[in-house]
């Protein structure tokens, strides 16, 4: 999983195996805010993802609602 912006790249997380909603949620918790800070995008950044099943899982949607200021 990776993070990209016009200002550079954020943290990259390697997953050896099948990524499910639980693994994806752990990656979000570990890297989203840290990457936004590294790229100088806090407190306002826009988080974007596609409609993969792990992205739209309830656990992922709830974490994003409570921890990401803006999303597409």
PDB file of N, CA and C in Angstrom:
ATOM      1  N   UNK A   1       0.844  -1.160   0.000  1.00  0.00           N
ATOM      2  CA  UNK A   1       0.000   0.000   0.000  1.00  0.00           C
ATOM      3  C   UNK A   1       0.897   1.233   0.000  1.00  0.00           C
ATOM      4  N   UNK A   2       0.483   2.273  -0.695  1.00  0.00           N
ATOM      5  CA  UNK A   2       1.323   3.461  -0.792  1.00  0.00           C
ATOM      6  C   UNK A   2       0.485   4.727  -0.686  1.00  0.00           C
ATOM      7  N   UNK A   3       1.178   5.820  -0.471  1.00  0.00           N
ATOM      8  CA  UNK A   3       0.564   7.128  -0.336  1.00  0.00           C
ATOM      9  C   UNK A   3       1.313   8.085  -1.259  1.00  0.00           C
ATOM     10  N   UNK A   4       0.584   8.846  -2.058  1.00  0.00           N
ATOM     11  CA  UNK A   4       1.218   9.772  -3.001  1.00  0.00           C
ATOM     12  C   UNK A   4       0.524  11.122  -2.944  1.00  0.00           C
ATOM     13  N   UNK A   5       1.293  12.163  -3.202  1.00  0.00           N
ATOM     14  CA  UNK A   5       0.739  13.503  -3.329  1.00  0.00           C
ATOM     15  C   UNK A   5       1.638  14.299  -4.268  1.00  0.00           C
ATOM     16  N   UNK A   6       1.229  15.520  -4.568  1.00  0.00           N
ATOM     17  CA  UNK A   6       2.045  16.383  -5.419  1.00  0.00           C
ATOM     18  C   UNK A   6       3.362  16.734  -4.729  1.00  0.00           C
ATOM     19  N   UNK A   7       3.393  16.625  -3.406  1.00  0.00           N
ATOM     20  CA  UNK A   7       4.589  16.967  -2.635  1.00  0.00           C
ATOM     21  C   UNK A   7       5.539  15.794  -2.421  1.00  0.00           C
ATOM     22  N   UNK A   8       5.169  14.607  -2.863  1.00  0.00           N
ATOM     23  CA  UNK A   8       6.039  13.450  -2.690  1.00  0.00           C
ATOM     24  C   UNK A   8       5.258  12.213  -2.306  1.00  0.00           C
ATOM     25  N   UNK A   9       5.973  11.265  -1.741  1.00  0.00           N
ATOM     26  CA  UNK A   9       5.340  10.010  -1.332  1.00  0.00           C
ATOM     27  C   UNK A   9       5.376   9.864   0.182  1.00  0.00           C
ATOM     28  N   UNK A  10       4.369   9.211   0.699  1.00  0.00           N
ATOM     29  CA  UNK A  10       4.294   8.946   2.128  1.00  0.00           C
ATOM     30  C   UNK A  10       4.853   7.575   2.437  1.00  0.00           C
ATOM     31  N   UNK A  11       4.397   7.028   3.520  1.00  0.00           N
ATOM     32  CA  UNK A  11       4.865   5.708   3.949  1.00  0.00           C
ATOM     33  C   UNK A  11       4.390   4.620   2.989  1.00  0.00           C
ATOM     34  N   UNK A  12       5.206   3.600   2.854  1.00  0.00           N
ATOM     35  CA  UNK A  12       4.820   2.436   2.067  1.00  0.00           C
ATOM     36  C   UNK A  12       4.754   1.245   3.011  1.00  0.00           C
ATOM     37  N   UNK A  13       3.726   0.471   2.868  1.00  0.00           N
ATOM     38  CA  UNK A  13       3.519  -0.685   3.735  1.00  0.00           C
ATOM     39  C   UNK A  13       3.482  -1.936   2.864  1.00  0.00           C
ATOM     40  N   UNK A  14       4.302  -2.900   3.191  1.00  0.00           N
ATOM     41  CA  UNK A  14       4.325  -4.165   2.469  1.00  0.00           C
ATOM     42  C   UNK A  14       3.477  -5.184   3.202  1.00  0.00           C
ATOM     43  N   UNK A  15       2.692  -5.921   2.450  1.00  0.00           N
ATOM     44  CA  UNK A  15       1.855  -6.963   3.020  1.00  0.00           C
ATOM     45  C   UNK A  15       2.174  -8.262   2.308  1.00  0.00           C
ATOM     46  N   UNK A  16       2.618  -9.237   3.045  1.00  0.00           N
ATOM     47  CA  UNK A  16       2.933 -10.540   2.478  1.00  0.00           C
ATOM     48  C   UNK A  16       1.762 -11.470   2.768  1.00  0.00           C
ATOM     49  N   UNK A  17       0.901 -11.614   1.809  1.00  0.00           N
ATOM     50  CA  UNK A  17      -0.280 -12.446   1.988  1.00  0.00           C
ATOM     51  C   UNK A  17      -1.509 -11.714   1.514  1.00  0.00           C
ATOM     52  N   UNK A  18      -2.642 -12.234   1.876  1.00  0.00           N
ATOM     53  CA  UNK A  18      -3.908 -11.653   1.453  1.00  0.00           C
ATOM     54  C   UNK A  18      -4.267 -10.495   2.375  1.00  0.00           C
ATOM     55  N   UNK A  19      -4.602  -9.360   1.768  1.00  0.00           N
ATOM     56  CA  UNK A  19      -5.007  -8.212   2.564  1.00  0.00           C
ATOM     57  C   UNK A  19      -6.529  -8.232   2.692  1.00  0.00           C
ATOM     58  N   UNK A  20      -6.995  -8.251   3.913  1.00  0.00           N
ATOM     59  CA  UNK A  20      -8.426  -8.186   4.171  1.00  0.00           C
ATOM     60  C   UNK A  20      -8.741  -6.886   4.906  1.00  0.00           C
ATOM     61  N   UNK A  21      -9.981  -6.709   5.305  1.00  0.00           N
ATOM     62  CA  UNK A  21     -10.375  -5.450   5.938  1.00  0.00           C
ATOM     63  C   UNK A  21      -9.636  -5.197   7.249  1.00  0.00           C
ATOM     64  N   UNK A  22      -9.305  -6.225   7.988  1.00  0.00           N
ATOM     65  CA  UNK A  22      -8.598  -6.066   9.258  1.00  0.00           C
ATOM     66  C   UNK A  22      -7.158  -5.591   9.020  1.00  0.00           C
ATOM     67  N   UNK A  23      -6.481  -6.216   8.080  1.00  0.00           N
ATOM     68  CA  UNK A  23      -5.106  -5.813   7.734  1.00  0.00           C
ATOM     69  C   UNK A  23      -5.111  -4.389   7.192  1.00  0.00           C
ATOM     70  N   UNK A  24      -6.072  -4.084   6.315  1.00  0.00           N
ATOM     71  CA  UNK A  24      -6.176  -2.738   5.736  1.00  0.00           C
ATOM     72  C   UNK A  24      -6.390  -1.699   6.836  1.00  0.00           C
ATOM     73  N   UNK A  25      -7.242  -1.994   7.793  1.00  0.00           N
ATOM     74  CA  UNK A  25      -7.509  -1.053   8.875  1.00  0.00           C
ATOM     75  C   UNK A  25      -6.263  -0.804   9.727  1.00  0.00           C
ATOM     76  N   UNK A  26      -5.484  -1.843   9.986  1.00  0.00           N
ATOM     77  CA  UNK A  26      -4.232  -1.671  10.727  1.00  0.00           C
ATOM     78  C   UNK A  26      -3.265  -0.766   9.965  1.00  0.00           C
ATOM     79  N   UNK A  27      -3.218  -0.927   8.656  1.00  0.00           N
ATOM     80  CA  UNK A  27      -2.346  -0.085   7.831  1.00  0.00           C
ATOM     81  C   UNK A  27      -2.813   1.372   7.881  1.00  0.00           C
ATOM     82  N   UNK A  28      -4.120   1.588   7.800  1.00  0.00           N
ATOM     83  CA  UNK A  28      -4.645   2.950   7.901  1.00  0.00           C
ATOM     84  C   UNK A  28      -4.228   3.599   9.219  1.00  0.00           C
ATOM     85  N   UNK A  29      -4.455   2.877  10.320  1.00  0.00           N
ATOM     86  CA  UNK A  29      -4.134   3.413  11.645  1.00  0.00           C
ATOM     87  C   UNK A  29      -2.656   3.753  11.787  1.00  0.00           C
ATOM     88  N   UNK A  30      -1.817   2.946  11.201  1.00  0.00           N
ATOM     89  CA  UNK A  30      -0.373   3.120  11.336  1.00  0.00           C
ATOM     90  C   UNK A  30       0.189   4.217  10.429  1.00  0.00           C
ATOM     91  N   UNK A  31      -0.421   4.439   9.259  1.00  0.00           N
ATOM     92  CA  UNK A  31       0.250   5.245   8.245  1.00  0.00           C
ATOM     93  C   UNK A  31      -0.439   6.510   7.756  1.00  0.00           C
ATOM     94  N   UNK A  32      -1.747   6.622   7.840  1.00  0.00           N
ATOM     95  CA  UNK A  32      -2.416   7.762   7.203  1.00  0.00           C
ATOM     96  C   UNK A  32      -1.974   9.093   7.803  1.00  0.00           C
ATOM     97  N   UNK A  33      -2.142   9.248   9.086  1.00  0.00           N
ATOM     98  CA  UNK A  33      -1.784  10.536   9.707  1.00  0.00           C
ATOM     99  C   UNK A  33      -0.280  10.770   9.664  1.00  0.00           C
ATOM    100  N   UNK A  34       0.493   9.728   9.854  1.00  0.00           N
ATOM    101  CA  UNK A  34       1.949   9.854   9.805  1.00  0.00           C
ATOM    102  C   UNK A  34       2.405  10.316   8.417  1.00  0.00           C
ATOM    103  N   UNK A  35       1.819   9.768   7.364  1.00  0.00           N
ATOM    104  CA  UNK A  35       2.174  10.169   6.006  1.00  0.00           C
ATOM    105  C   UNK A  35       1.739  11.596   5.721  1.00  0.00           C
ATOM    106  N   UNK A  36       0.544  11.965   6.171  1.00  0.00           N
ATOM    107  CA  UNK A  36       0.060  13.336   5.965  1.00  0.00           C
ATOM    108  C   UNK A  36       0.972  14.336   6.666  1.00  0.00           C
ATOM    109  N   UNK A  37       1.432  13.996   7.851  1.00  0.00           N
ATOM    110  CA  UNK A  37       2.351  14.869   8.577  1.00  0.00           C
ATOM    111  C   UNK A  37       3.699  14.960   7.847  1.00  0.00           C
ATOM    112  N   UNK A  38       4.206  13.828   7.406  1.00  0.00           N
ATOM    113  CA  UNK A  38       5.481  13.775   6.684  1.00  0.00           C
ATOM    114  C   UNK A  38       5.447  14.647   5.431  1.00  0.00           C
ATOM    115  N   UNK A  39       4.294  14.696   4.763  1.00  0.00           N
ATOM    116  CA  UNK A  39       4.146  15.467   3.535  1.00  0.00           C
ATOM    117  C   UNK A  39       3.706  16.904   3.786  1.00  0.00           C
ATOM    118  N   UNK A  40       3.571  17.290   5.046  1.00  0.00           N
ATOM    119  CA  UNK A  40       3.186  18.656   5.391  1.00  0.00           C
ATOM    120  C   UNK A  40       1.744  18.974   5.041  1.00  0.00           C
ATOM    121  N   UNK A  41       0.879  17.972   5.132  1.00  0.00           N
ATOM    122  CA  UNK A  41      -0.509  18.149   4.728  1.00  0.00           C
ATOM    123  C   UNK A  41      -1.487  18.246   5.901  1.00  0.00           C
ATOM    124  N   UNK A  42      -0.996  18.124   7.121  1.00  0.00           N
ATOM    125  CA  UNK A  42      -1.890  18.224   8.275  1.00  0.00           C
ATOM    126  C   UNK A  42      -2.195  19.675   8.572  1.00  0.00           C
ATOM    127  N   UNK A  43      -3.332  20.034   9.045  1.00  0.00           N
ATOM    128  CA  UNK A  43      -4.441  19.178   9.426  1.00  0.00           C
ATOM    129  C   UNK A  43      -5.400  18.882   8.269  1.00  0.00           C
ATOM    130  N   UNK A  44      -5.228  19.548   7.132  1.00  0.00           N
ATOM    131  CA  UNK A  44      -6.177  19.369   6.034  1.00  0.00           C
ATOM    132  C   UNK A  44      -5.566  18.582   4.886  1.00  0.00           C
ATOM    133  N   UNK A  45      -6.085  17.418   4.638  1.00  0.00           N
ATOM    134  CA  UNK A  45      -5.699  16.631   3.484  1.00  0.00           C
ATOM    135  C   UNK A  45      -6.930  15.871   2.998  1.00  0.00           C
ATOM    136  N   UNK A  46      -6.909  15.474   1.752  1.00  0.00           N
ATOM    137  CA  UNK A  46      -8.028  14.746   1.171  1.00  0.00           C
ATOM    138  C   UNK A  46      -7.608  13.300   0.974  1.00  0.00           C
ATOM    139  N   UNK A  47      -8.380  12.400   1.527  1.00  0.00           N
ATOM    140  CA  UNK A  47      -8.105  10.975   1.446  1.00  0.00           C
ATOM    141  C   UNK A  47      -8.978  10.388   0.341  1.00  0.00           C
ATOM    142  N   UNK A  48      -8.356   9.648  -0.569  1.00  0.00           N
ATOM    143  CA  UNK A  48      -9.094   9.066  -1.685  1.00  0.00           C
ATOM    144  C   UNK A  48      -8.750   7.594  -1.834  1.00  0.00           C
ATOM    145  N   UNK A  49      -9.749   6.780  -2.105  1.00  0.00           N
ATOM    146  CA  UNK A  49      -9.555   5.362  -2.351  1.00  0.00           C
ATOM    147  C   UNK A  49     -10.637   4.886  -3.313  1.00  0.00           C
ATOM    148  N   UNK A  50     -10.507   3.655  -3.801  1.00  0.00           N
ATOM    149  CA  UNK A  50     -11.518   3.123  -4.713  1.00  0.00           C
ATOM    150  C   UNK A  50     -12.547   2.302  -3.939  1.00  0.00           C
ATOM    151  N   UNK A  51     -13.391   1.591  -4.643  1.00  0.00           N
ATOM    152  CA  UNK A  51     -14.472   0.833  -4.007  1.00  0.00           C
ATOM    153  C   UNK A  51     -14.127  -0.635  -3.773  1.00  0.00           C
ATOM    154  N   UNK A  52     -12.869  -0.912  -3.529  1.00  0.00           N
ATOM    155  CA  UNK A  52     -12.485  -2.281  -3.189  1.00  0.00           C
ATOM    156  C   UNK A  52     -13.243  -2.683  -1.924  1.00  0.00           C
ATOM    157  N   UNK A  53     -13.561  -3.960  -1.795  1.00  0.00           N
ATOM    158  CA  UNK A  53     -14.387  -4.415  -0.669  1.00  0.00           C
ATOM    159  C   UNK A  53     -13.785  -4.079   0.691  1.00  0.00           C
ATOM    160  N   UNK A  54     -12.471  -4.122   0.823  1.00  0.00           N
ATOM    161  CA  UNK A  54     -11.874  -3.778   2.121  1.00  0.00           C
ATOM    162  C   UNK A  54     -11.933  -2.275   2.387  1.00  0.00           C
ATOM    163  N   UNK A  55     -12.017  -1.471   1.328  1.00  0.00           N
ATOM    164  CA  UNK A  55     -12.120  -0.020   1.498  1.00  0.00           C
ATOM    165  C   UNK A  55     -13.511   0.395   1.944  1.00  0.00           C
ATOM    166  N   UNK A  56     -14.515  -0.355   1.527  1.00  0.00           N
ATOM    167  CA  UNK A  56     -15.888   0.011   1.874  1.00  0.00           C
ATOM    168  C   UNK A  56     -16.448  -0.820   3.031  1.00  0.00           C
ATOM    169  N   UNK A  57     -15.597  -1.619   3.648  1.00  0.00           N
ATOM    170  CA  UNK A  57     -16.023  -2.383   4.823  1.00  0.00           C
ATOM    171  C   UNK A  57     -16.365  -1.419   5.959  1.00  0.00           C
ATOM    172  N   UNK A  58     -17.298  -1.794   6.777  1.00  0.00           N
ATOM    173  CA  UNK A  58     -17.763  -0.931   7.872  1.00  0.00           C
ATOM    174  C   UNK A  58     -16.613  -0.485   8.779  1.00  0.00           C
ATOM    175  N   UNK A  59     -15.711  -1.383   9.112  1.00  0.00           N
ATOM    176  CA  UNK A  59     -14.582  -1.051   9.998  1.00  0.00           C
ATOM    177  C   UNK A  59     -13.697   0.042   9.373  1.00  0.00           C
ATOM    178  N   UNK A  60     -13.499  -0.020   8.072  1.00  0.00           N
ATOM    179  CA  UNK A  60     -12.676   0.977   7.376  1.00  0.00           C
ATOM    180  C   UNK A  60     -13.408   2.308   7.276  1.00  0.00           C
ATOM    181  N   UNK A  61     -14.687   2.249   6.891  1.00  0.00           N
ATOM    182  CA  UNK A  61     -15.461   3.477   6.751  1.00  0.00           C
ATOM    183  C   UNK A  61     -15.552   4.230   8.069  1.00  0.00           C
ATOM    184  N   UNK A  62     -15.768   3.511   9.161  1.00  0.00           N
ATOM    185  CA  UNK A  62     -15.869   4.169  10.465  1.00  0.00           C
ATOM    186  C   UNK A  62     -14.547   4.815  10.882  1.00  0.00           C
ATOM    187  N   UNK A  63     -13.431   4.120  10.656  1.00  0.00           N
ATOM    188  CA  UNK A  63     -12.140   4.704  11.025  1.00  0.00           C
ATOM    189  C   UNK A  63     -11.898   5.981  10.231  1.00  0.00           C
ATOM    190  N   UNK A  64     -12.204   5.950   8.952  1.00  0.00           N
ATOM    191  CA  UNK A  64     -11.991   7.117   8.098  1.00  0.00           C
ATOM    192  C   UNK A  64     -12.886   8.276   8.528  1.00  0.00           C
ATOM    193  N   UNK A  65     -14.151   7.999   8.829  1.00  0.00           N
ATOM    194  CA  UNK A  65     -15.071   9.055   9.271  1.00  0.00           C
ATOM    195  C   UNK A  65     -14.533   9.770  10.504  1.00  0.00           C
ATOM    196  N   UNK A  66     -13.982   9.020  11.461  1.00  0.00           N
ATOM    197  CA  UNK A  66     -13.522   9.600  12.724  1.00  0.00           C
ATOM    198  C   UNK A  66     -12.095  10.144  12.688  1.00  0.00           C
ATOM    199  N   UNK A  67     -11.313   9.799  11.659  1.00  0.00           N
ATOM    200  CA  UNK A  67      -9.899  10.167  11.682  1.00  0.00           C
ATOM    201  C   UNK A  67      -9.376  10.932  10.477  1.00  0.00           C
ATOM    202  N   UNK A  68     -10.181  11.088   9.454  1.00  0.00           N
ATOM    203  CA  UNK A  68      -9.719  11.780   8.244  1.00  0.00           C
ATOM    204  C   UNK A  68     -10.623  12.992   8.016  1.00  0.00           C
ATOM    205  N   UNK A  69     -10.046  14.203   7.943  1.00  0.00           N
ATOM    206  CA  UNK A  69     -10.872  15.404   7.846  1.00  0.00           C
ATOM    207  C   UNK A  69     -11.670  15.527   6.543  1.00  0.00           C
ATOM    208  N   UNK A  70     -11.076  15.118   5.426  1.00  0.00           N
ATOM    209  CA  UNK A  70     -11.743  15.247   4.127  1.00  0.00           C
ATOM    210  C   UNK A  70     -11.490  13.982   3.313  1.00  0.00           C
ATOM    211  N   UNK A  71     -12.515  13.556   2.587  1.00  0.00           N
ATOM    212  CA  UNK A  71     -12.375  12.358   1.769  1.00  0.00           C
ATOM    213  C   UNK A  71     -13.161  12.487   0.486  1.00  0.00           C
ATOM    214  N   UNK A  72     -12.718  11.784  -0.522  1.00  0.00           N
ATOM    215  CA  UNK A  72     -13.448  11.750  -1.794  1.00  0.00           C
ATOM    216  C   UNK A  72     -14.187  10.440  -1.908  1.00  0.00           C
TER     217      UNK A  72
END
